[in-house]
Amino acid sequence: MSTSTTAAEKVAYEKLVRATVRVNNSVDESKVYDIEADAEINNGIVGNINSGTVKKDGSQVATFNSYGNENLSINHNVGEKQEQCNITAAVNTFIADTKAKIATAQPVSL
């Protein structure tokens, strides 16, 4: 007697190698800005954070991209210098928080 198996029964998942996950700070009750971005995860580590947006009271005040641990590209849509500094500080905190969150709680698993 022959039993047939499906293709799904012949393949096992080993591990998730790479993923892009949309992250935001919606659960941060102390936030001043609404921040969201795409976190690129490779072998459990955040490499780049792309397509970031920063909003205040529903209006976009900045966009950003972060590459590795050293490079941050940010475009401010406000002219006031102190507000630009505040936005940059919030983005840096968001990036650090995103990396910490993903290091301790993988967003995707098999």
Protein backbone atom coordinates (compact mmCIF):
# COMPACT_ATOMS: atom_id res chain seq x y z
CA MET A 1 0.00 0.00 0.00
CA SER A 2 1.38 3.38 -1.00
CA THR A 3 0.89 6.60 0.91
CA SER A 4 1.41 9.85 -0.85
CA THR A 5 2.75 12.97 0.81
CA THR A 6 2.25 16.52 -0.26
CA ALA A 7 5.06 18.94 -1.01
CA ALA A 8 4.26 20.82 2.21
CA GLU A 9 4.94 17.64 4.18
CA LYS A 10 8.36 17.21 2.56
CA VAL A 11 9.82 20.61 3.47
CA ALA A 12 10.66 22.03 6.89
CA TYR A 13 11.31 25.64 7.80
CA GLU A 14 14.77 26.11 9.25
CA LYS A 15 14.90 29.78 10.20
CA LEU A 16 13.84 33.22 9.11
CA VAL A 17 16.86 34.96 7.56
CA ARG A 18 15.57 38.34 6.38
CA ALA A 19 12.42 40.40 6.88
CA THR A 20 11.16 43.97 6.64
CA VAL A 21 8.75 44.94 9.39
CA ARG A 22 6.78 48.20 9.68
CA VAL A 23 7.30 49.59 13.19
CA ASN A 24 5.82 52.59 15.00
CA ASN A 25 5.71 54.24 18.40
CA SER A 26 1.93 54.05 18.83
CA VAL A 27 2.29 52.33 22.23
CA ASP A 28 4.59 55.04 23.66
CA GLU A 29 2.29 57.08 25.90
CA SER A 30 4.94 59.79 26.43
CA LYS A 31 5.57 60.44 22.73
CA VAL A 32 5.42 63.94 21.26
CA TYR A 33 5.72 62.74 17.65
CA ASP A 34 4.10 59.85 15.77
CA ILE A 35 6.98 57.94 14.19
CA GLU A 36 6.90 54.94 11.85
CA ALA A 37 9.42 53.24 9.58
CA ASP A 38 10.43 49.97 7.90
CA ALA A 39 12.97 47.98 9.93
CA GLU A 40 15.13 45.63 7.85
CA ILE A 41 16.05 42.59 9.93
CA ASN A 42 18.83 40.22 8.90
CA ASN A 43 19.55 37.18 11.08
CA GLY A 44 17.76 38.80 14.01
CA ILE A 45 19.61 42.12 13.83
CA VAL A 46 18.28 45.45 12.57
CA GLY A 47 20.47 46.76 9.78
CA ASN A 48 18.63 49.65 8.17
CA ILE A 49 15.54 51.60 9.11
CA ASN A 50 13.97 53.08 5.98
CA SER A 51 11.03 55.16 4.84
CA GLY A 52 10.65 56.78 8.24
CA THR A 53 8.07 59.48 8.81
CA VAL A 54 7.58 61.81 11.75
CA LYS A 55 4.24 63.53 12.36
CA LYS A 56 3.07 66.02 14.94
CA ASP A 57 -0.63 66.73 15.31
CA GLY A 58 -1.23 64.86 12.03
CA SER A 59 1.22 66.94 9.97
CA GLN A 60 4.43 65.44 8.63
CA VAL A 61 7.39 67.25 10.18
CA ALA A 62 10.25 65.02 8.96
CA THR A 63 11.30 61.95 7.01
CA PHE A 64 14.35 59.79 7.72
CA ASN A 65 16.47 56.76 6.85
CA SER A 66 19.06 55.10 9.07
CA TYR A 67 21.86 52.89 7.75
CA GLY A 68 23.74 50.64 10.15
CA ASN A 69 24.80 52.16 13.45
CA GLU A 70 26.34 55.41 12.29
CA ASN A 71 24.40 57.00 9.44
CA LEU A 72 21.16 58.94 9.78
CA SER A 73 19.64 60.95 6.96
CA ILE A 74 16.82 63.21 8.11
CA ASN A 75 14.83 65.84 6.22
CA HIS A 76 13.02 68.35 8.41
CA ASN A 77 9.83 69.96 7.19
CA VAL A 78 9.92 72.63 9.91
CA GLY A 79 12.21 75.65 10.00
CA GLU A 80 12.48 76.28 13.74
CA LYS A 81 15.92 75.03 14.87
CA GLN A 82 14.89 73.83 18.35
CA GLU A 83 12.03 71.83 16.84
CA GLN A 84 14.50 70.25 14.41
CA CYS A 85 16.72 69.25 17.35
CA ASN A 86 13.71 67.79 19.19
CA ILE A 87 12.67 65.80 16.11
CA THR A 88 16.19 64.46 15.60
CA ALA A 89 16.40 63.40 19.26
CA ALA A 90 13.02 61.65 18.99
CA VAL A 91 14.12 59.81 15.83
CA ASN A 92 17.37 58.68 17.48
CA THR A 93 15.43 57.39 20.48
CA PHE A 94 12.95 55.62 18.19
CA ILE A 95 15.80 53.92 16.30
CA ALA A 96 17.46 52.76 19.54
CA ASP A 97 14.12 51.54 20.91
CA THR A 98 13.37 49.67 17.67
CA LYS A 99 16.74 47.90 17.75
CA ALA A 100 16.30 46.99 21.41
CA LYS A 101 12.76 45.68 20.86
CA ILE A 102 13.74 43.49 17.91
CA ALA A 103 16.84 42.18 19.74
CA THR A 104 14.67 40.93 22.61
CA ALA A 105 11.37 40.10 20.89
CA GLN A 106 11.54 38.92 17.29
CA PRO A 107 8.51 40.26 15.39
CA VAL A 108 8.30 37.23 13.10
CA SER A 109 8.98 33.58 13.85
CA LEU A 110 8.46 30.22 12.22
